Amino acid sequence: MKTRTSIYHRTFAFAYVLLVAVIFCGCEGNVEQKSTPYRLSGGLNVEIVIIDSCEYIIINGGNATWGSHKGNCKFCAERSKK
């Protein structure tokens, strides 16, 4: 009975370590991101960022950061022509 409990604990410990490794070493860093920074009056910083072949506008200013898909995204326009 003691051997069975020992195997259970080792298996549980291995599963736990594997889960932690997957969480911390996921697919982060594989996304290519290019940005073009702009500075607006009032201290707002605007960046046009390309993520997964789409353009997004990111606005950094004050206490908040937010973003949105760019309405005239050149990649979406090319895809819709096909």
Protein backbone atom coordinates (compact mmCIF):
# COMPACT_ATOMS: atom_id res chain seq x y z
CA MET A 1 0.00 0.00 0.00
CA LYS A 2 2.89 2.35 0.76
CA THR A 3 4.36 1.81 -2.74
CA ARG A 4 1.05 2.70 -4.36
CA THR A 5 0.85 5.97 -2.38
CA SER A 6 4.46 6.82 -3.30
CA ILE A 7 3.77 6.35 -7.02
CA TYR A 8 0.63 8.49 -6.71
CA HIS A 9 2.59 11.34 -5.10
CA ARG A 10 5.34 11.21 -7.74
CA THR A 11 2.80 11.21 -10.54
CA PHE A 12 0.92 14.12 -8.97
CA ALA A 13 4.18 16.08 -8.51
CA PHE A 14 5.16 15.46 -12.14
CA ALA A 15 1.73 16.58 -13.38
CA TYR A 16 1.94 19.72 -11.23
CA VAL A 17 5.41 20.63 -12.56
CA LEU A 18 4.24 19.99 -16.12
CA LEU A 19 1.21 22.25 -15.63
CA VAL A 20 3.33 25.07 -14.20
CA ALA A 21 5.80 24.74 -17.10
CA VAL A 22 3.00 24.98 -19.67
CA ILE A 23 1.49 28.03 -17.97
CA PHE A 24 4.75 29.98 -17.75
CA CYS A 25 6.29 28.82 -21.04
CA GLY A 26 3.24 29.02 -23.28
CA CYS A 27 3.22 30.53 -26.75
CA GLU A 28 4.13 34.03 -25.60
CA GLY A 29 6.77 35.67 -27.72
CA ASN A 30 5.78 33.96 -30.96
CA VAL A 31 3.61 36.86 -32.07
CA GLU A 32 5.37 39.22 -34.44
CA GLN A 33 4.59 42.79 -33.56
CA LYS A 34 5.69 45.86 -35.51
CA SER A 35 4.72 49.32 -34.37
CA THR A 36 4.80 52.89 -35.66
CA PRO A 37 4.69 55.43 -32.80
CA TYR A 38 3.06 58.88 -33.09
CA ARG A 39 2.69 61.64 -30.49
CA LEU A 40 -0.49 63.73 -30.35
CA SER A 41 -1.09 67.01 -28.58
CA GLY A 42 -2.16 66.58 -24.98
CA GLY A 43 0.46 63.96 -24.23
CA LEU A 44 -1.23 61.02 -25.93
CA ASN A 45 0.99 58.42 -27.57
CA VAL A 46 -0.56 56.55 -30.49
CA GLU A 47 0.91 53.42 -32.04
CA ILE A 48 -0.21 51.51 -35.09
CA VAL A 49 0.63 47.89 -34.32
CA ILE A 50 0.57 44.95 -36.73
CA ILE A 51 -0.51 41.72 -35.01
CA ASP A 52 -1.30 38.55 -36.99
CA SER A 53 -1.59 40.42 -40.29
CA CYS A 54 -4.02 43.06 -39.02
CA GLU A 55 -3.49 46.69 -37.98
CA TYR A 56 -4.53 47.94 -34.54
CA ILE A 57 -4.42 51.43 -33.01
CA ILE A 58 -3.10 51.52 -29.44
CA ILE A 59 -3.49 54.77 -27.45
CA ASN A 60 -1.33 55.29 -24.35
CA GLY A 61 -2.06 58.36 -22.29
CA GLY A 62 -2.70 59.34 -18.72
CA ASN A 63 -3.82 56.40 -16.62
CA ALA A 64 -5.24 54.22 -19.39
CA THR A 65 -4.20 52.22 -22.42
CA TRP A 66 -6.70 50.99 -24.95
CA GLY A 67 -6.78 49.82 -28.52
CA SER A 68 -9.01 48.98 -31.44
CA HIS A 69 -8.86 47.39 -34.86
CA LYS A 70 -8.00 49.99 -37.47
CA GLY A 71 -10.97 50.77 -39.73
CA ASN A 72 -8.90 51.11 -42.90
CA CYS A 73 -6.62 48.13 -42.25
CA LYS A 74 -4.65 47.53 -45.45
CA PHE A 75 -4.49 43.78 -44.86
CA CYS A 76 -8.28 43.44 -44.48
CA ALA A 77 -8.82 45.53 -47.60
CA GLU A 78 -6.57 43.20 -49.60
CA ARG A 79 -8.33 40.12 -48.25
CA SER A 80 -11.78 41.48 -49.07
CA LYS A 81 -10.80 42.10 -52.71
CA LYS A 82 -10.23 38.37 -53.28
